[in-house]
Amino acid sequence: MKKRRCRLSSYKQSKLLEMFVGGVPARTAAELADVNRHSATLYYHKIREMIAYELDDDSPFDGEVELDESYFGGHRKGNRGRGAAGKIPVFGILKRGGKVYTKVIPNASSDTLIPIINRRIQPDSIVYTDCWTAYNAIDVSQFHHFRINHSELFADRQNHINGIENFWNQAKRWLRKYNGIHQTHFPLFLKECEFRFNFGSPAEQLQTLKNWKRKHLI
């Protein structure tokens, strides 16, 4: 990530950072902080770039983890889920009782998912998935793999992926307020949702962003 100082004053930056944490859209934040709306939009973009950079540097997960793909986009006629046209496919890994990791993917094939799984999950971890065929390769890999068949039951004691599915629902509710996000910028907005989940309280989010801001000099 390029380390470039923002031309906004430190006071304006602090105000925008606080409003970003509070979920205030950039245009509204520009009015409240008395800055040009393009400057506010650019600063929000820098914050999201910083978040994406830091989150991708996290350590792999271990223990019990849940895997799932989802699809983001506007309401369209036709198939839903994996057969939906025009939507953005994403993949998520959630450590039970811990953090989540997300990534925009070109497709939900085994060739796409397995390298991410191998890179982001430590060997001997317990992995929970649904019955999507792309996860078949996990059965002969270094993980302990358990499946849940949603066509028969939603959960069987610890054998479920409720955590990652709940995260997808939270992320979709959060992103809906933007009334459409260009595909080019969508990965950064998804990382914002990941950040808000991983650093739960607004106070923790704000302090984390302040620490990262000093590190990256934005």
C-alpha atoms as a PDB file:
ATOM      1  CA  MET A   1       0.000   0.000   0.000  1.00  0.00           C
ATOM      2  CA  LYS A   2       1.357   3.416  -0.980  1.00  0.00           C
ATOM      3  CA  LYS A   3       2.091   5.701   1.976  1.00  0.00           C
ATOM      4  CA  ARG A   4       0.742   9.089   0.928  1.00  0.00           C
ATOM      5  CA  ARG A   5      -0.326  11.780   3.331  1.00  0.00           C
ATOM      6  CA  CYS A   6      -3.820  13.155   2.912  1.00  0.00           C
ATOM      7  CA  ARG A   7      -4.063  16.907   2.295  1.00  0.00           C
ATOM      8  CA  LEU A   8      -6.906  17.250   4.793  1.00  0.00           C
ATOM      9  CA  SER A   9      -5.987  18.698   8.165  1.00  0.00           C
ATOM     10  CA  SER A  10      -5.506  16.320  11.076  1.00  0.00           C
ATOM     11  CA  TYR A  11      -8.732  17.591  12.627  1.00  0.00           C
ATOM     12  CA  LYS A  12     -10.740  16.939   9.435  1.00  0.00           C
ATOM     13  CA  GLN A  13      -9.187  13.489   9.113  1.00  0.00           C
ATOM     14  CA  SER A  14     -10.113  12.647  12.701  1.00  0.00           C
ATOM     15  CA  LYS A  15     -13.698  13.751  12.122  1.00  0.00           C
ATOM     16  CA  LEU A  16     -13.977  11.686   8.943  1.00  0.00           C
ATOM     17  CA  LEU A  17     -12.422   8.662  10.660  1.00  0.00           C
ATOM     18  CA  GLU A  18     -14.964   8.875  13.462  1.00  0.00           C
ATOM     19  CA  MET A  19     -17.838   9.186  11.005  1.00  0.00           C
ATOM     20  CA  PHE A  20     -16.535   6.249   8.971  1.00  0.00           C
ATOM     21  CA  VAL A  21     -16.622   4.103  12.102  1.00  0.00           C
ATOM     22  CA  GLY A  22     -20.117   5.394  12.821  1.00  0.00           C
ATOM     23  CA  GLY A  23     -21.301   4.273   9.397  1.00  0.00           C
ATOM     24  CA  VAL A  24     -21.924   7.781   8.064  1.00  0.00           C
ATOM     25  CA  PRO A  25     -21.816   7.787   4.222  1.00  0.00           C
ATOM     26  CA  ALA A  26     -19.023   9.845   2.658  1.00  0.00           C
ATOM     27  CA  ARG A  27     -21.313  12.508   1.185  1.00  0.00           C
ATOM     28  CA  THR A  28     -23.007  13.123   4.513  1.00  0.00           C
ATOM     29  CA  ALA A  29     -19.646  13.078   6.283  1.00  0.00           C
ATOM     30  CA  ALA A  30     -18.371  15.734   3.869  1.00  0.00           C
ATOM     31  CA  GLU A  31     -21.155  18.095   4.911  1.00  0.00           C
ATOM     32  CA  LEU A  32     -20.741  17.412   8.616  1.00  0.00           C
ATOM     33  CA  ALA A  33     -16.947  17.830   8.484  1.00  0.00           C
ATOM     34  CA  ASP A  34     -17.170  20.785   6.086  1.00  0.00           C
ATOM     35  CA  VAL A  35     -14.915  19.258   3.421  1.00  0.00           C
ATOM     36  CA  ASN A  36     -15.282  18.753  -0.320  1.00  0.00           C
ATOM     37  CA  ARG A  37     -17.355  15.623  -1.037  1.00  0.00           C
ATOM     38  CA  HIS A  38     -14.669  14.310  -3.395  1.00  0.00           C
ATOM     39  CA  SER A  39     -12.084  14.679  -0.622  1.00  0.00           C
ATOM     40  CA  ALA A  40     -14.313  12.774   1.794  1.00  0.00           C
ATOM     41  CA  THR A  41     -14.957  10.032  -0.760  1.00  0.00           C
ATOM     42  CA  LEU A  42     -11.218   9.724  -1.461  1.00  0.00           C
ATOM     43  CA  TYR A  43     -10.418   9.577   2.256  1.00  0.00           C
ATOM     44  CA  TYR A  44     -13.003   6.848   2.831  1.00  0.00           C
ATOM     45  CA  HIS A  45     -11.452   4.962  -0.082  1.00  0.00           C
ATOM     46  CA  LYS A  46      -8.007   5.244   1.532  1.00  0.00           C
ATOM     47  CA  ILE A  47      -9.419   3.900   4.805  1.00  0.00           C
ATOM     48  CA  ARG A  48     -10.882   0.885   3.004  1.00  0.00           C
ATOM     49  CA  GLU A  49      -7.605   0.262   1.162  1.00  0.00           C
ATOM     50  CA  MET A  50      -5.769   0.343   4.485  1.00  0.00           C
ATOM     51  CA  ILE A  51      -8.270  -2.088   6.023  1.00  0.00           C
ATOM     52  CA  ALA A  52      -7.939  -4.528   3.114  1.00  0.00           C
ATOM     53  CA  TYR A  53      -4.146  -4.419   3.311  1.00  0.00           C
ATOM     54  CA  GLU A  54      -4.064  -5.103   7.054  1.00  0.00           C
ATOM     55  CA  LEU A  55      -6.693  -7.859   7.030  1.00  0.00           C
ATOM     56  CA  ASP A  56      -4.954  -9.802   4.277  1.00  0.00           C
ATOM     57  CA  ASP A  57      -1.846  -9.871   6.464  1.00  0.00           C
ATOM     58  CA  ASP A  58      -3.583 -11.803   9.274  1.00  0.00           C
ATOM     59  CA  SER A  59      -2.421 -15.264  10.336  1.00  0.00           C
ATOM     60  CA  PRO A  60      -4.206 -18.443   9.129  1.00  0.00           C
ATOM     61  CA  PHE A  61      -7.083 -19.808  11.204  1.00  0.00           C
ATOM     62  CA  ASP A  62      -6.964 -22.976  13.278  1.00  0.00           C
ATOM     63  CA  GLY A  63      -9.365 -24.949  15.457  1.00  0.00           C
ATOM     64  CA  GLU A  64     -12.990 -25.124  14.276  1.00  0.00           C
ATOM     65  CA  VAL A  65     -13.750 -23.140  11.135  1.00  0.00           C
ATOM     66  CA  GLU A  66     -16.771 -22.736   8.878  1.00  0.00           C
ATOM     67  CA  LEU A  67     -16.600 -22.254   5.098  1.00  0.00           C
ATOM     68  CA  ASP A  68     -19.243 -20.911   2.752  1.00  0.00           C
ATOM     69  CA  GLU A  69     -19.698 -18.966  -0.479  1.00  0.00           C
ATOM     70  CA  SER A  70     -22.294 -16.308  -1.099  1.00  0.00           C
ATOM     71  CA  TYR A  71     -23.443 -14.006  -3.891  1.00  0.00           C
ATOM     72  CA  PHE A  72     -23.863 -10.236  -3.687  1.00  0.00           C
ATOM     73  CA  GLY A  73     -25.726  -7.946  -6.036  1.00  0.00           C
ATOM     74  CA  GLY A  74     -29.052  -6.338  -6.839  1.00  0.00           C
ATOM     75  CA  HIS A  75     -32.342  -8.174  -7.101  1.00  0.00           C
ATOM     76  CA  ARG A  76     -32.581  -9.972 -10.435  1.00  0.00           C
ATOM     77  CA  LYS A  77     -35.020 -12.391 -11.979  1.00  0.00           C
ATOM     78  CA  GLY A  78     -33.990 -15.987 -12.491  1.00  0.00           C
ATOM     79  CA  ASN A  79     -31.977 -18.397 -10.385  1.00  0.00           C
ATOM     80  CA  ARG A  80     -30.745 -17.590  -6.902  1.00  0.00           C
ATOM     81  CA  GLY A  81     -27.594 -18.692  -5.105  1.00  0.00           C
ATOM     82  CA  ARG A  82     -24.920 -20.473  -7.152  1.00  0.00           C
ATOM     83  CA  GLY A  83     -26.962 -20.229 -10.348  1.00  0.00           C
ATOM     84  CA  ALA A  84     -27.568 -16.492 -10.067  1.00  0.00           C
ATOM     85  CA  ALA A  85     -26.480 -14.427 -13.053  1.00  0.00           C
ATOM     86  CA  GLY A  86     -24.786 -11.058 -12.692  1.00  0.00           C
ATOM     87  CA  LYS A  87     -24.001 -11.362  -9.000  1.00  0.00           C
ATOM     88  CA  ILE A  88     -20.557 -11.192  -7.370  1.00  0.00           C
ATOM     89  CA  PRO A  89     -19.363 -14.511  -5.868  1.00  0.00           C
ATOM     90  CA  VAL A  90     -17.534 -14.307  -2.549  1.00  0.00           C
ATOM     91  CA  PHE A  91     -15.947 -16.854  -0.238  1.00  0.00           C
ATOM     92  CA  GLY A  92     -15.725 -16.724   3.534  1.00  0.00           C
ATOM     93  CA  ILE A  93     -13.912 -18.528   6.357  1.00  0.00           C
ATOM     94  CA  LEU A  94     -15.054 -18.047   9.940  1.00  0.00           C
ATOM     95  CA  LYS A  95     -13.198 -19.262  13.009  1.00  0.00           C
ATOM     96  CA  ARG A  96     -15.774 -20.192  15.614  1.00  0.00           C
ATOM     97  CA  GLY A  97     -15.590 -17.711  18.456  1.00  0.00           C
ATOM     98  CA  GLY A  98     -13.155 -15.596  16.455  1.00  0.00           C
ATOM     99  CA  LYS A  99     -12.658 -13.685  13.233  1.00  0.00           C
ATOM    100  CA  VAL A 100     -13.868 -13.995   9.668  1.00  0.00           C
ATOM    101  CA  TYR A 101     -11.915 -13.832   6.395  1.00  0.00           C
ATOM    102  CA  THR A 102     -13.539 -12.909   3.067  1.00  0.00           C
ATOM    103  CA  LYS A 103     -12.471 -12.820  -0.548  1.00  0.00           C
ATOM    104  CA  VAL A 104     -14.132 -11.966  -3.844  1.00  0.00           C
ATOM    105  CA  ILE A 105     -13.695 -14.945  -6.180  1.00  0.00           C
ATOM    106  CA  PRO A 106     -14.156 -15.484  -9.940  1.00  0.00           C
ATOM    107  CA  ASN A 107     -16.217 -18.628  -9.313  1.00  0.00           C
ATOM    108  CA  ALA A 108     -16.956 -21.240  -6.656  1.00  0.00           C
ATOM    109  CA  SER A 109     -15.044 -24.094  -8.264  1.00  0.00           C
ATOM    110  CA  SER A 110     -12.701 -26.407  -6.415  1.00  0.00           C
ATOM    111  CA  ASP A 111      -9.726 -24.961  -8.300  1.00  0.00           C
ATOM    112  CA  THR A 112     -10.592 -21.539  -6.877  1.00  0.00           C
ATOM    113  CA  LEU A 113     -11.545 -22.459  -3.306  1.00  0.00           C
ATOM    114  CA  ILE A 114      -9.010 -25.121  -2.317  1.00  0.00           C
ATOM    115  CA  PRO A 115      -5.880 -22.904  -2.692  1.00  0.00           C
ATOM    116  CA  ILE A 116      -7.552 -20.261  -0.486  1.00  0.00           C
ATOM    117  CA  ILE A 117      -8.477 -22.895   2.080  1.00  0.00           C
ATOM    118  CA  ASN A 118      -4.946 -24.309   2.147  1.00  0.00           C
ATOM    119  CA  ARG A 119      -3.467 -20.834   2.565  1.00  0.00           C
ATOM    120  CA  ARG A 120      -5.864 -19.502   5.204  1.00  0.00           C
ATOM    121  CA  ILE A 121      -6.447 -22.578   7.425  1.00  0.00           C
ATOM    122  CA  GLN A 122      -3.796 -24.464   9.375  1.00  0.00           C
ATOM    123  CA  PRO A 123      -3.469 -28.254   8.944  1.00  0.00           C
ATOM    124  CA  ASP A 124      -5.472 -30.525  11.293  1.00  0.00           C
ATOM    125  CA  SER A 125      -8.174 -27.891  11.743  1.00  0.00           C
ATOM    126  CA  ILE A 126     -11.823 -29.003  11.887  1.00  0.00           C
ATOM    127  CA  VAL A 127     -13.647 -27.693   8.819  1.00  0.00           C
ATOM    128  CA  TYR A 128     -17.430 -27.441   8.439  1.00  0.00           C
ATOM    129  CA  THR A 129     -19.069 -26.926   5.025  1.00  0.00           C
ATOM    130  CA  ASP A 130     -22.298 -27.596   3.178  1.00  0.00           C
ATOM    131  CA  CYS A 131     -22.432 -30.267   0.472  1.00  0.00           C
ATOM    132  CA  TRP A 132     -21.215 -28.147  -2.448  1.00  0.00           C
ATOM    133  CA  THR A 133     -19.100 -30.369  -4.729  1.00  0.00           C
ATOM    134  CA  ALA A 134     -16.171 -27.941  -4.727  1.00  0.00           C
ATOM    135  CA  TYR A 135     -15.460 -29.013  -1.141  1.00  0.00           C
ATOM    136  CA  ASN A 136     -14.970 -32.689  -2.092  1.00  0.00           C
ATOM    137  CA  ALA A 137     -11.197 -32.218  -2.287  1.00  0.00           C
ATOM    138  CA  ILE A 138     -11.145 -31.322   1.421  1.00  0.00           C
ATOM    139  CA  ASP A 139     -12.000 -34.963   2.181  1.00  0.00           C
ATOM    140  CA  VAL A 140      -8.563 -36.078   1.005  1.00  0.00           C
ATOM    141  CA  SER A 141      -6.625 -33.114   2.367  1.00  0.00           C
ATOM    142  CA  GLN A 142      -5.008 -32.243   5.695  1.00  0.00           C
ATOM    143  CA  PHE A 143      -8.226 -31.182   7.455  1.00  0.00           C
ATOM    144  CA  HIS A 144     -10.970 -32.920   9.438  1.00  0.00           C
ATOM    145  CA  HIS A 145     -14.015 -32.286   7.246  1.00  0.00           C
ATOM    146  CA  PHE A 146     -17.679 -32.346   8.298  1.00  0.00           C
ATOM    147  CA  ARG A 147     -20.656 -31.500   6.072  1.00  0.00           C
ATOM    148  CA  ILE A 148     -24.175 -30.264   6.670  1.00  0.00           C
ATOM    149  CA  ASN A 149     -26.878 -31.129   4.141  1.00  0.00           C
ATOM    150  CA  HIS A 150     -29.224 -28.137   4.069  1.00  0.00           C
ATOM    151  CA  SER A 151     -31.807 -30.061   2.061  1.00  0.00           C
ATOM    152  CA  GLU A 152     -32.316 -32.384   5.033  1.00  0.00           C
ATOM    153  CA  LEU A 153     -31.535 -30.284   8.121  1.00  0.00           C
ATOM    154  CA  PHE A 154     -30.167 -26.881   9.018  1.00  0.00           C
ATOM    155  CA  ALA A 155     -27.833 -27.978  11.807  1.00  0.00           C
ATOM    156  CA  ASP A 156     -26.808 -31.109  13.679  1.00  0.00           C
ATOM    157  CA  ARG A 157     -25.310 -30.099  17.044  1.00  0.00           C
ATOM    158  CA  GLN A 158     -21.868 -28.662  16.289  1.00  0.00           C
ATOM    159  CA  ASN A 159     -22.144 -29.652  12.617  1.00  0.00           C
ATOM    160  CA  HIS A 160     -23.393 -26.401  11.066  1.00  0.00           C
ATOM    161  CA  ILE A 161     -22.249 -23.258   9.257  1.00  0.00           C
ATOM    162  CA  ASN A 162     -24.616 -20.858  11.013  1.00  0.00           C
ATOM    163  CA  GLY A 163     -21.787 -18.473  11.957  1.00  0.00           C
ATOM    164  CA  ILE A 164     -20.566 -17.697   8.449  1.00  0.00           C
ATOM    165  CA  GLU A 165     -24.137 -17.569   7.105  1.00  0.00           C
ATOM    166  CA  ASN A 166     -25.036 -15.036   9.804  1.00  0.00           C
ATOM    167  CA  PHE A 167     -22.027 -12.956   8.757  1.00  0.00           C
ATOM    168  CA  TRP A 168     -23.220 -12.922   5.131  1.00  0.00           C
ATOM    169  CA  ASN A 169     -26.621 -11.688   6.298  1.00  0.00           C
ATOM    170  CA  GLN A 170     -25.009  -8.915   8.366  1.00  0.00           C
ATOM    171  CA  ALA A 171     -22.773  -7.868   5.468  1.00  0.00           C
ATOM    172  CA  LYS A 172     -25.683  -7.697   3.019  1.00  0.00           C
ATOM    173  CA  ARG A 173     -27.731  -5.585   5.412  1.00  0.00           C
ATOM    174  CA  TRP A 174     -24.785  -3.204   5.902  1.00  0.00           C
ATOM    175  CA  LEU A 175     -24.009  -2.834   2.189  1.00  0.00           C
ATOM    176  CA  ARG A 176     -27.647  -2.394   1.189  1.00  0.00           C
ATOM    177  CA  LYS A 177     -27.617   1.187   2.477  1.00  0.00           C
ATOM    178  CA  TYR A 178     -25.147   2.211  -0.254  1.00  0.00           C
ATOM    179  CA  ASN A 179     -27.817   1.573  -2.893  1.00  0.00           C
ATOM    180  CA  GLY A 180     -25.422  -0.086  -5.301  1.00  0.00           C
ATOM    181  CA  ILE A 181     -21.632  -0.499  -5.297  1.00  0.00           C
ATOM    182  CA  HIS A 182     -19.523  -0.635  -8.453  1.00  0.00           C
ATOM    183  CA  GLN A 183     -17.884  -4.028  -8.927  1.00  0.00           C
ATOM    184  CA  THR A 184     -14.452  -2.377  -9.048  1.00  0.00           C
ATOM    185  CA  HIS A 185     -14.814  -1.126  -5.485  1.00  0.00           C
ATOM    186  CA  PHE A 186     -16.863  -3.991  -4.062  1.00  0.00           C
ATOM    187  CA  PRO A 187     -13.862  -5.966  -2.660  1.00  0.00           C
ATOM    188  CA  LEU A 188     -12.944  -2.986  -0.464  1.00  0.00           C
ATOM    189  CA  PHE A 189     -16.502  -2.645   0.848  1.00  0.00           C
ATOM    190  CA  LEU A 190     -16.553  -6.368   1.635  1.00  0.00           C
ATOM    191  CA  LYS A 191     -13.312  -5.984   3.593  1.00  0.00           C
ATOM    192  CA  GLU A 192     -14.951  -3.150   5.500  1.00  0.00           C
ATOM    193  CA  CYS A 193     -17.682  -5.600   6.590  1.00  0.00           C
ATOM    194  CA  GLU A 194     -14.988  -8.083   7.601  1.00  0.00           C
ATOM    195  CA  PHE A 195     -13.251  -5.381   9.643  1.00  0.00           C
ATOM    196  CA  ARG A 196     -16.434  -4.354  11.441  1.00  0.00           C
ATOM    197  CA  PHE A 197     -17.109  -7.986  12.362  1.00  0.00           C
ATOM    198  CA  ASN A 198     -13.565  -8.701  13.550  1.00  0.00           C
ATOM    199  CA  PHE A 199     -13.232  -5.522  15.607  1.00  0.00           C
ATOM    200  CA  GLY A 200     -16.682  -5.468  17.161  1.00  0.00           C
ATOM    201  CA  SER A 201     -17.101  -2.298  19.205  1.00  0.00           C
ATOM    202  CA  PRO A 202     -16.906   1.198  17.655  1.00  0.00           C
ATOM    203  CA  ALA A 203     -14.253   2.155  20.209  1.00  0.00           C
ATOM    204  CA  GLU A 204     -12.080  -0.811  19.201  1.00  0.00           C
ATOM    205  CA  GLN A 205     -12.596  -0.075  15.517  1.00  0.00           C
ATOM    206  CA  LEU A 206     -11.648   3.571  15.932  1.00  0.00           C
ATOM    207  CA  GLN A 207      -8.512   2.844  17.947  1.00  0.00           C
ATOM    208  CA  THR A 208      -7.437   0.156  15.470  1.00  0.00           C
ATOM    209  CA  LEU A 209      -7.880   2.526  12.532  1.00  0.00           C
ATOM    210  CA  LYS A 210      -5.930   5.255  14.329  1.00  0.00           C
ATOM    211  CA  ASN A 211      -3.051   2.830  14.891  1.00  0.00           C
ATOM    212  CA  TRP A 212      -3.093   1.701  11.269  1.00  0.00           C
ATOM    213  CA  LYS A 213      -3.363   5.313  10.078  1.00  0.00           C
ATOM    214  CA  ARG A 214      -0.127   6.212  11.874  1.00  0.00           C
ATOM    215  CA  LYS A 215       1.524   3.172  10.355  1.00  0.00           C
ATOM    216  CA  HIS A 216       0.464   3.933   6.768  1.00  0.00           C
ATOM    217  CA  LEU A 217       0.669   7.729   7.032  1.00  0.00           C
ATOM    218  CA  ILE A 218      -2.600   8.363   5.218  1.00  0.00           C
END
